[in-house]
Amino acid sequence: MKFKELRDRTMQELDTLLSLTRKEVVALRMNVAAGQLKDVREIREKKTLIARILTLLATQKK
């Protein structure tokens, strides 16, 4: 998801998206450990999304 798309969302939507994305990262890590997931790039993309959301939340709270 692009930064521009995230800017259009409300604070509540960003909070729920953040928690869902964090849960997805945990699940992806479990799948990697179990040998079920071969594309580990997906984890990097999710972590980048988390960073974007946190950046937006920090700038909106000021």
PDB file of N, CA and C in Angstrom:
ATOM      1  N   MET A   1       0.841  -1.162   0.000  1.00  0.00           N
ATOM      2  CA  MET A   1       0.000   0.000   0.000  1.00  0.00           C
ATOM      3  C   MET A   1       0.899   1.242   0.000  1.00  0.00           C
ATOM      4  N   LYS A   2       0.555   2.182  -0.814  1.00  0.00           N
ATOM      5  CA  LYS A   2       1.347   3.400  -0.961  1.00  0.00           C
ATOM      6  C   LYS A   2       1.043   4.378   0.181  1.00  0.00           C
ATOM      7  N   PHE A   3       1.986   5.280   0.412  1.00  0.00           N
ATOM      8  CA  PHE A   3       1.844   6.274   1.467  1.00  0.00           C
ATOM      9  C   PHE A   3       0.657   7.197   1.205  1.00  0.00           C
ATOM     10  N   LYS A   4       0.422   7.512  -0.052  1.00  0.00           N
ATOM     11  CA  LYS A   4      -0.707   8.369  -0.406  1.00  0.00           C
ATOM     12  C   LYS A   4      -2.033   7.725  -0.037  1.00  0.00           C
ATOM     13  N   GLU A   5      -2.127   6.418  -0.222  1.00  0.00           N
ATOM     14  CA  GLU A   5      -3.350   5.702   0.117  1.00  0.00           C
ATOM     15  C   GLU A   5      -3.573   5.690   1.626  1.00  0.00           C
ATOM     16  N   LEU A   6      -2.489   5.606   2.374  1.00  0.00           N
ATOM     17  CA  LEU A   6      -2.610   5.578   3.823  1.00  0.00           C
ATOM     18  C   LEU A   6      -3.039   6.935   4.382  1.00  0.00           C
ATOM     19  N   ARG A   7      -2.635   8.003   3.733  1.00  0.00           N
ATOM     20  CA  ARG A   7      -2.984   9.345   4.200  1.00  0.00           C
ATOM     21  C   ARG A   7      -4.478   9.585   4.183  1.00  0.00           C
ATOM     22  N   ASP A   8      -5.210   8.906   3.323  1.00  0.00           N
ATOM     23  CA  ASP A   8      -6.649   9.101   3.204  1.00  0.00           C
ATOM     24  C   ASP A   8      -7.433   8.389   4.303  1.00  0.00           C
ATOM     25  N   ARG A   9      -6.772   7.563   5.076  1.00  0.00           N
ATOM     26  CA  ARG A   9      -7.460   6.792   6.113  1.00  0.00           C
ATOM     27  C   ARG A   9      -7.508   7.554   7.429  1.00  0.00           C
ATOM     28  N   THR A  10      -8.486   7.174   8.264  1.00  0.00           N
ATOM     29  CA  THR A  10      -8.616   7.815   9.569  1.00  0.00           C
ATOM     30  C   THR A  10      -7.643   7.165  10.552  1.00  0.00           C
ATOM     31  N   MET A  11      -7.514   7.773  11.724  1.00  0.00           N
ATOM     32  CA  MET A  11      -6.613   7.252  12.758  1.00  0.00           C
ATOM     33  C   MET A  11      -7.062   5.857  13.209  1.00  0.00           C
ATOM     34  N   GLN A  12      -8.363   5.652  13.329  1.00  0.00           N
ATOM     35  CA  GLN A  12      -8.879   4.356  13.759  1.00  0.00           C
ATOM     36  C   GLN A  12      -8.583   3.273  12.725  1.00  0.00           C
ATOM     37  N   GLU A  13      -8.756   3.615  11.469  1.00  0.00           N
ATOM     38  CA  GLU A  13      -8.459   2.655  10.405  1.00  0.00           C
ATOM     39  C   GLU A  13      -6.978   2.307  10.392  1.00  0.00           C
ATOM     40  N   LEU A  14      -6.133   3.302  10.631  1.00  0.00           N
ATOM     41  CA  LEU A  14      -4.695   3.045  10.667  1.00  0.00           C
ATOM     42  C   LEU A  14      -4.319   2.150  11.842  1.00  0.00           C
ATOM     43  N   ASP A  15      -4.970   2.365  12.999  1.00  0.00           N
ATOM     44  CA  ASP A  15      -4.693   1.523  14.160  1.00  0.00           C
ATOM     45  C   ASP A  15      -5.075   0.071  13.903  1.00  0.00           C
ATOM     46  N   THR A  16      -6.239  -0.144  13.298  1.00  0.00           N
ATOM     47  CA  THR A  16      -6.656  -1.520  13.024  1.00  0.00           C
ATOM     48  C   THR A  16      -5.769  -2.158  11.955  1.00  0.00           C
ATOM     49  N   LEU A  17      -5.401  -1.374  10.945  1.00  0.00           N
ATOM     50  CA  LEU A  17      -4.511  -1.888   9.910  1.00  0.00           C
ATOM     51  C   LEU A  17      -3.147  -2.239  10.484  1.00  0.00           C
ATOM     52  N   LEU A  18      -2.675  -1.440  11.428  1.00  0.00           N
ATOM     53  CA  LEU A  18      -1.392  -1.700  12.073  1.00  0.00           C
ATOM     54  C   LEU A  18      -1.424  -3.011  12.850  1.00  0.00           C
ATOM     55  N   SER A  19      -2.469  -3.221  13.624  1.00  0.00           N
ATOM     56  CA  SER A  19      -2.549  -4.449  14.411  1.00  0.00           C
ATOM     57  C   SER A  19      -2.698  -5.676  13.509  1.00  0.00           C
ATOM     58  N   LEU A  20      -3.473  -5.558  12.446  1.00  0.00           N
ATOM     59  CA  LEU A  20      -3.635  -6.685  11.520  1.00  0.00           C
ATOM     60  C   LEU A  20      -2.327  -7.012  10.810  1.00  0.00           C
ATOM     61  N   THR A  21      -1.595  -5.986  10.419  1.00  0.00           N
ATOM     62  CA  THR A  21      -0.338  -6.195   9.715  1.00  0.00           C
ATOM     63  C   THR A  21       0.703  -6.821  10.626  1.00  0.00           C
ATOM     64  N   ARG A  22       0.720  -6.403  11.886  1.00  0.00           N
ATOM     65  CA  ARG A  22       1.654  -7.017  12.842  1.00  0.00           C
ATOM     66  C   ARG A  22       1.341  -8.500  13.047  1.00  0.00           C
ATOM     67  N   LYS A  23       0.051  -8.827  13.096  1.00  0.00           N
ATOM     68  CA  LYS A  23      -0.344 -10.234  13.231  1.00  0.00           C
ATOM     69  C   LYS A  23       0.068 -11.030  11.996  1.00  0.00           C
ATOM     70  N   GLU A  24      -0.042 -10.416  10.829  1.00  0.00           N
ATOM     71  CA  GLU A  24       0.355 -11.080   9.593  1.00  0.00           C
ATOM     72  C   GLU A  24       1.856 -11.360   9.576  1.00  0.00           C
ATOM     73  N   VAL A  25       2.651 -10.422  10.093  1.00  0.00           N
ATOM     74  CA  VAL A  25       4.102 -10.618  10.139  1.00  0.00           C
ATOM     75  C   VAL A  25       4.445 -11.799  11.048  1.00  0.00           C
ATOM     76  N   VAL A  26       3.772 -11.891  12.177  1.00  0.00           N
ATOM     77  CA  VAL A  26       4.007 -13.016  13.088  1.00  0.00           C
ATOM     78  C   VAL A  26       3.654 -14.331  12.399  1.00  0.00           C
ATOM     79  N   ALA A  27       2.522 -14.354  11.713  1.00  0.00           N
ATOM     80  CA  ALA A  27       2.099 -15.571  11.017  1.00  0.00           C
ATOM     81  C   ALA A  27       3.079 -15.938   9.903  1.00  0.00           C
ATOM     82  N   LEU A  28       3.574 -14.924   9.196  1.00  0.00           N
ATOM     83  CA  LEU A  28       4.541 -15.192   8.125  1.00  0.00           C
ATOM     84  C   LEU A  28       5.841 -15.744   8.682  1.00  0.00           C
ATOM     85  N   ARG A  29       6.276 -15.221   9.813  1.00  0.00           N
ATOM     86  CA  ARG A  29       7.500 -15.736  10.439  1.00  0.00           C
ATOM     87  C   ARG A  29       7.338 -17.189  10.859  1.00  0.00           C
ATOM     88  N   MET A  30       6.151 -17.518  11.367  1.00  0.00           N
ATOM     89  CA  MET A  30       5.875 -18.916  11.741  1.00  0.00           C
ATOM     90  C   MET A  30       5.932 -19.824  10.519  1.00  0.00           C
ATOM     91  N   ASN A  31       5.372 -19.338   9.413  1.00  0.00           N
ATOM     92  CA  ASN A  31       5.372 -20.128   8.182  1.00  0.00           C
ATOM     93  C   ASN A  31       6.788 -20.323   7.649  1.00  0.00           C
ATOM     94  N   VAL A  32       7.628 -19.308   7.789  1.00  0.00           N
ATOM     95  CA  VAL A  32       9.018 -19.443   7.352  1.00  0.00           C
ATOM     96  C   VAL A  32       9.729 -20.473   8.212  1.00  0.00           C
ATOM     97  N   ALA A  33       9.498 -20.412   9.513  1.00  0.00           N
ATOM     98  CA  ALA A  33      10.145 -21.350  10.430  1.00  0.00           C
ATOM     99  C   ALA A  33       9.692 -22.786  10.169  1.00  0.00           C
ATOM    100  N   ALA A  34       8.441 -22.940   9.757  1.00  0.00           N
ATOM    101  CA  ALA A  34       7.909 -24.268   9.482  1.00  0.00           C
ATOM    102  C   ALA A  34       8.273 -24.753   8.082  1.00  0.00           C
ATOM    103  N   GLY A  35       8.859 -23.867   7.282  1.00  0.00           N
ATOM    104  CA  GLY A  35       9.245 -24.249   5.933  1.00  0.00           C
ATOM    105  C   GLY A  35       8.112 -24.183   4.927  1.00  0.00           C
ATOM    106  N   GLN A  36       7.026 -23.537   5.285  1.00  0.00           N
ATOM    107  CA  GLN A  36       5.869 -23.459   4.401  1.00  0.00           C
ATOM    108  C   GLN A  36       5.931 -22.268   3.458  1.00  0.00           C
ATOM    109  N   LEU A  37       6.675 -21.242   3.847  1.00  0.00           N
ATOM    110  CA  LEU A  37       6.738 -20.021   3.052  1.00  0.00           C
ATOM    111  C   LEU A  37       8.118 -19.899   2.424  1.00  0.00           C
ATOM    112  N   LYS A  38       8.149 -19.780   1.127  1.00  0.00           N
ATOM    113  CA  LYS A  38       9.420 -19.659   0.416  1.00  0.00           C
ATOM    114  C   LYS A  38       9.750 -18.215   0.073  1.00  0.00           C
ATOM    115  N   ASP A  39       8.721 -17.366  -0.086  1.00  0.00           N
ATOM    116  CA  ASP A  39       8.921 -15.972  -0.465  1.00  0.00           C
ATOM    117  C   ASP A  39       9.009 -15.110   0.796  1.00  0.00           C
ATOM    118  N   VAL A  40      10.216 -14.913   1.308  1.00  0.00           N
ATOM    119  CA  VAL A  40      10.393 -14.146   2.534  1.00  0.00           C
ATOM    120  C   VAL A  40      10.324 -12.646   2.285  1.00  0.00           C
ATOM    121  N   ARG A  41      10.268 -12.250   1.038  1.00  0.00           N
ATOM    122  CA  ARG A  41      10.146 -10.826   0.695  1.00  0.00           C
ATOM    123  C   ARG A  41       8.831 -10.249   1.206  1.00  0.00           C
ATOM    124  N   GLU A  42       7.844 -11.093   1.346  1.00  0.00           N
ATOM    125  CA  GLU A  42       6.541 -10.666   1.841  1.00  0.00           C
ATOM    126  C   GLU A  42       6.661 -10.068   3.243  1.00  0.00           C
ATOM    127  N   ILE A  43       7.544 -10.625   4.060  1.00  0.00           N
ATOM    128  CA  ILE A  43       7.758 -10.111   5.405  1.00  0.00           C
ATOM    129  C   ILE A  43       8.315  -8.691   5.335  1.00  0.00           C
ATOM    130  N   ARG A  44       9.262  -8.469   4.448  1.00  0.00           N
ATOM    131  CA  ARG A  44       9.863  -7.148   4.291  1.00  0.00           C
ATOM    132  C   ARG A  44       8.807  -6.124   3.871  1.00  0.00           C
ATOM    133  N   GLU A  45       7.928  -6.511   2.972  1.00  0.00           N
ATOM    134  CA  GLU A  45       6.885  -5.596   2.518  1.00  0.00           C
ATOM    135  C   GLU A  45       5.928  -5.235   3.649  1.00  0.00           C
ATOM    136  N   LYS A  46       5.588  -6.214   4.471  1.00  0.00           N
ATOM    137  CA  LYS A  46       4.689  -5.961   5.603  1.00  0.00           C
ATOM    138  C   LYS A  46       5.353  -5.053   6.629  1.00  0.00           C
ATOM    139  N   LYS A  47       6.648  -5.266   6.880  1.00  0.00           N
ATOM    140  CA  LYS A  47       7.367  -4.431   7.833  1.00  0.00           C
ATOM    141  C   LYS A  47       7.497  -2.998   7.327  1.00  0.00           C
ATOM    142  N   THR A  48       7.638  -2.840   6.030  1.00  0.00           N
ATOM    143  CA  THR A  48       7.677  -1.500   5.442  1.00  0.00           C
ATOM    144  C   THR A  48       6.328  -0.811   5.614  1.00  0.00           C
ATOM    145  N   LEU A  49       5.256  -1.554   5.439  1.00  0.00           N
ATOM    146  CA  LEU A  49       3.915  -1.010   5.643  1.00  0.00           C
ATOM    147  C   LEU A  49       3.727  -0.576   7.099  1.00  0.00           C
ATOM    148  N   ILE A  50       4.223  -1.376   8.036  1.00  0.00           N
ATOM    149  CA  ILE A  50       4.132  -1.027   9.451  1.00  0.00           C
ATOM    150  C   ILE A  50       4.872   0.279   9.714  1.00  0.00           C
ATOM    151  N   ALA A  51       6.051   0.431   9.132  1.00  0.00           N
ATOM    152  CA  ALA A  51       6.827   1.654   9.322  1.00  0.00           C
ATOM    153  C   ALA A  51       6.094   2.864   8.748  1.00  0.00           C
ATOM    154  N   ARG A  52       5.466   2.704   7.617  1.00  0.00           N
ATOM    155  CA  ARG A  52       4.710   3.802   7.020  1.00  0.00           C
ATOM    156  C   ARG A  52       3.535   4.211   7.897  1.00  0.00           C
ATOM    157  N   ILE A  53       2.839   3.229   8.431  1.00  0.00           N
ATOM    158  CA  ILE A  53       1.695   3.515   9.294  1.00  0.00           C
ATOM    159  C   ILE A  53       2.155   4.227  10.561  1.00  0.00           C
ATOM    160  N   LEU A  54       3.235   3.741  11.172  1.00  0.00           N
ATOM    161  CA  LEU A  54       3.745   4.369  12.388  1.00  0.00           C
ATOM    162  C   LEU A  54       4.198   5.804  12.128  1.00  0.00           C
ATOM    163  N   THR A  55       4.792   6.034  10.978  1.00  0.00           N
ATOM    164  CA  THR A  55       5.211   7.388  10.614  1.00  0.00           C
ATOM    165  C   THR A  55       4.001   8.303  10.489  1.00  0.00           C
ATOM    166  N   LEU A  56       2.977   7.822   9.844  1.00  0.00           N
ATOM    167  CA  LEU A  56       1.767   8.618   9.686  1.00  0.00           C
ATOM    168  C   LEU A  56       1.101   8.904  11.029  1.00  0.00           C
ATOM    169  N   LEU A  57       1.040   7.902  11.881  1.00  0.00           N
ATOM    170  CA  LEU A  57       0.419   8.090  13.186  1.00  0.00           C
ATOM    171  C   LEU A  57       1.206   9.107  14.022  1.00  0.00           C
ATOM    172  N   ALA A  58       2.519   9.053  13.936  1.00  0.00           N
ATOM    173  CA  ALA A  58       3.347   9.986  14.693  1.00  0.00           C
ATOM    174  C   ALA A  58       3.190  11.419  14.200  1.00  0.00           C
ATOM    175  N   THR A  59       3.048  11.593  12.912  1.00  0.00           N
ATOM    176  CA  THR A  59       2.914  12.946  12.375  1.00  0.00           C
ATOM    177  C   THR A  59       1.510  13.505  12.607  1.00  0.00           C
ATOM    178  N   GLN A  60       0.504  12.650  12.680  1.00  0.00           N
ATOM    179  CA  GLN A  60      -0.862  13.123  12.884  1.00  0.00           C
ATOM    180  C   GLN A  60      -1.135  13.474  14.333  1.00  0.00           C
ATOM    181  N   LYS A  61      -0.392  12.890  15.264  1.00  0.00           N
ATOM    182  CA  LYS A  61      -0.626  13.158  16.686  1.00  0.00           C
ATOM    183  C   LYS A  61      -0.071  14.508  17.113  1.00  0.00           C
ATOM    184  N   LYS A  62       0.832  15.061  16.349  1.00  0.00           N
ATOM    185  CA  LYS A  62       1.445  16.347  16.719  1.00  0.00           C
ATOM    186  C   LYS A  62       0.503  17.489  16.503  1.00  0.00           C
TER     187      LYS A  62
END
